[in-house]
Amino acid sequence: MSTTTVTVTAEATPDELAAIAGGLTAFNEADVGPSGRVALIVLVRDENGAIVGGISGYTAWGWLYVQWLWIAEAQRGRGMAGQMLGAAEAEARQRGCHGAYIDTFNPVALRAYQRQGYVPFGELANFPPGRARTFLQKAL
């Protein structure tokens, strides 16, 4: 009989993370087929080439996931979130995606995403304390 140990850490090695990712990927592919996961990055640069906004996410199983969306404070309020989301969504459609999803706990970002056609489908109360993390989706 083999024995196992359970370890909790705040710092995993790249090999440990790769083992987890590889195991889950193999399980999911056997269960539902390959995800076709491809990174999707949108960058906005100023006249000096400095990054002043961007999106980091990926497409997989016909969906765009917007993991991070950031806009430099001096660039906010100019419709940049909508422009970046539009660019990401256009690329996702080119990749054959039928939907997109994103989450936020920022009320200003929530309104911006809703203006772009994203609709809430779930919420975690007090995440972080005093706020709600809202999950939104949009048909592409």
Protein backbone atom coordinates (compact mmCIF):
# COMPACT_ATOMS: atom_id res chain seq x y z
CA MET A 1 0.00 0.00 0.00
CA SER A 2 1.38 3.40 -0.93
CA THR A 3 1.23 6.39 1.33
CA THR A 4 0.64 10.00 0.42
CA THR A 5 1.38 13.30 2.12
CA VAL A 6 -0.47 16.57 1.87
CA THR A 7 1.61 19.75 1.86
CA VAL A 8 0.40 23.34 1.94
CA THR A 9 2.69 26.10 0.71
CA ALA A 10 2.58 29.65 -0.58
CA GLU A 11 5.45 29.02 -2.98
CA ALA A 12 5.33 26.18 -5.48
CA THR A 13 8.12 25.47 -7.92
CA PRO A 14 7.52 25.79 -11.66
CA ASP A 15 7.75 21.98 -11.91
CA GLU A 16 5.09 21.53 -9.21
CA LEU A 17 2.76 23.97 -10.96
CA ALA A 18 3.43 22.24 -14.28
CA ALA A 19 2.52 18.88 -12.73
CA ILE A 20 -0.83 20.24 -11.53
CA ALA A 21 -1.58 21.98 -14.84
CA GLY A 22 -0.53 18.95 -16.86
CA GLY A 23 -2.61 16.58 -14.78
CA LEU A 24 -5.73 18.73 -15.00
CA THR A 25 -5.26 19.35 -18.71
CA ALA A 26 -4.93 15.62 -19.37
CA PHE A 27 -8.03 14.90 -17.28
CA ASN A 28 -10.11 17.59 -19.01
CA GLU A 29 -8.99 16.54 -22.49
CA ALA A 30 -9.97 12.95 -21.75
CA ASP A 31 -13.30 14.14 -20.36
CA VAL A 32 -14.41 16.81 -22.89
CA GLY A 33 -11.68 17.07 -25.53
CA PRO A 34 -8.90 19.56 -26.13
CA SER A 35 -9.55 23.15 -25.02
CA GLY A 36 -7.67 24.81 -27.85
CA ARG A 37 -6.42 27.31 -25.27
CA VAL A 38 -4.55 30.23 -26.81
CA ALA A 39 -3.41 33.37 -25.00
CA LEU A 40 -5.03 36.65 -26.04
CA ILE A 41 -3.33 39.92 -25.20
CA VAL A 42 -4.45 43.45 -26.10
CA LEU A 43 -1.97 46.29 -25.53
CA VAL A 44 -2.50 50.04 -25.64
CA ARG A 45 0.62 52.21 -25.87
CA ASP A 46 1.09 55.95 -25.63
CA GLU A 47 3.07 58.09 -28.06
CA ASN A 48 6.31 57.07 -26.31
CA GLY A 49 5.56 53.35 -26.54
CA ALA A 50 4.74 52.97 -22.84
CA ILE A 51 1.92 50.55 -22.06
CA VAL A 52 -1.07 52.51 -20.71
CA GLY A 53 -3.67 49.77 -20.87
CA GLY A 54 -4.16 46.16 -21.68
CA ILE A 55 -6.04 42.91 -21.49
CA SER A 56 -4.60 39.52 -20.65
CA GLY A 57 -6.75 36.46 -21.15
CA TYR A 58 -7.23 33.47 -23.38
CA THR A 59 -9.65 31.63 -25.59
CA ALA A 60 -10.63 28.04 -24.88
CA TRP A 61 -13.58 25.76 -25.69
CA GLY A 62 -15.23 28.52 -27.70
CA TRP A 63 -15.02 31.18 -24.98
CA LEU A 64 -12.94 34.29 -24.41
CA TYR A 65 -11.88 34.73 -20.80
CA VAL A 66 -10.71 38.24 -19.89
CA GLN A 67 -8.53 37.56 -16.86
CA TRP A 68 -7.05 41.04 -16.43
CA LEU A 69 -8.11 44.42 -17.82
CA TRP A 70 -6.11 47.47 -16.76
CA ILE A 71 -6.09 51.11 -17.81
CA ALA A 72 -3.62 53.70 -16.50
CA GLU A 73 -5.37 56.31 -14.41
CA ALA A 74 -4.59 59.15 -16.84
CA GLN A 75 -6.30 57.16 -19.63
CA ARG A 76 -9.51 56.29 -17.77
CA GLY A 77 -12.87 57.73 -18.79
CA ARG A 78 -12.01 57.78 -22.50
CA GLY A 79 -13.75 54.61 -23.61
CA MET A 80 -10.54 52.57 -23.65
CA ALA A 81 -12.10 49.58 -21.86
CA GLY A 82 -14.70 49.32 -24.61
CA GLN A 83 -12.08 49.63 -27.33
CA MET A 84 -9.90 46.94 -25.76
CA LEU A 85 -12.83 44.61 -25.16
CA GLY A 86 -13.97 45.17 -28.74
CA ALA A 87 -10.54 44.22 -30.04
CA ALA A 88 -10.38 41.12 -27.83
CA GLU A 89 -13.89 40.07 -28.83
CA ALA A 90 -13.12 40.52 -32.53
CA GLU A 91 -10.07 38.28 -32.20
CA ALA A 92 -12.09 35.76 -30.20
CA ARG A 93 -14.72 35.64 -32.97
CA GLN A 94 -11.92 35.07 -35.51
CA ARG A 95 -10.88 32.12 -33.34
CA GLY A 96 -14.42 30.73 -33.45
CA CYS A 97 -15.57 31.81 -30.00
CA HIS A 98 -19.28 32.17 -29.25
CA GLY A 99 -19.06 33.86 -25.85
CA ALA A 100 -16.90 35.89 -23.46
CA TYR A 101 -16.72 36.16 -19.69
CA ILE A 102 -15.08 38.43 -17.13
CA ASP A 103 -15.33 39.18 -13.42
CA THR A 104 -14.82 42.26 -11.27
CA PHE A 105 -15.36 43.64 -7.78
CA ASN A 106 -15.03 47.26 -8.91
CA PRO A 107 -18.38 49.06 -9.35
CA VAL A 108 -16.99 51.38 -12.06
CA ALA A 109 -15.63 48.43 -14.05
CA LEU A 110 -18.94 46.59 -13.58
CA ARG A 111 -20.82 49.46 -15.21
CA ALA A 112 -18.25 49.67 -18.02
CA TYR A 113 -18.61 45.95 -18.79
CA GLN A 114 -22.40 46.20 -18.73
CA ARG A 115 -22.23 49.12 -21.20
CA GLN A 116 -20.32 46.76 -23.50
CA GLY A 117 -23.14 44.20 -23.36
CA TYR A 118 -21.88 41.94 -20.57
CA VAL A 119 -24.62 40.50 -18.34
CA PRO A 120 -24.13 39.30 -14.76
CA PHE A 121 -24.60 35.58 -14.15
CA GLY A 122 -23.21 35.18 -10.65
CA GLU A 123 -21.90 36.98 -7.62
CA LEU A 124 -19.78 36.31 -4.54
CA ALA A 125 -20.73 38.57 -1.64
CA ASN A 126 -17.96 40.12 0.47
CA PHE A 127 -15.23 39.31 -2.04
CA PRO A 128 -13.34 41.39 -0.99
CA PRO A 129 -15.02 42.48 2.26
CA GLY A 130 -17.57 45.20 1.60
CA ARG A 131 -17.75 44.46 -2.13
CA ALA A 132 -19.21 41.77 -4.35
CA ARG A 133 -17.30 39.98 -7.10
CA THR A 134 -19.62 39.86 -10.10
CA PHE A 135 -19.20 37.39 -12.97
CA LEU A 136 -20.45 38.55 -16.37
CA GLN A 137 -20.87 36.97 -19.79
CA LYS A 138 -21.57 38.13 -23.30
CA ALA A 139 -22.66 36.27 -26.41
CA LEU A 140 -20.32 36.85 -29.33
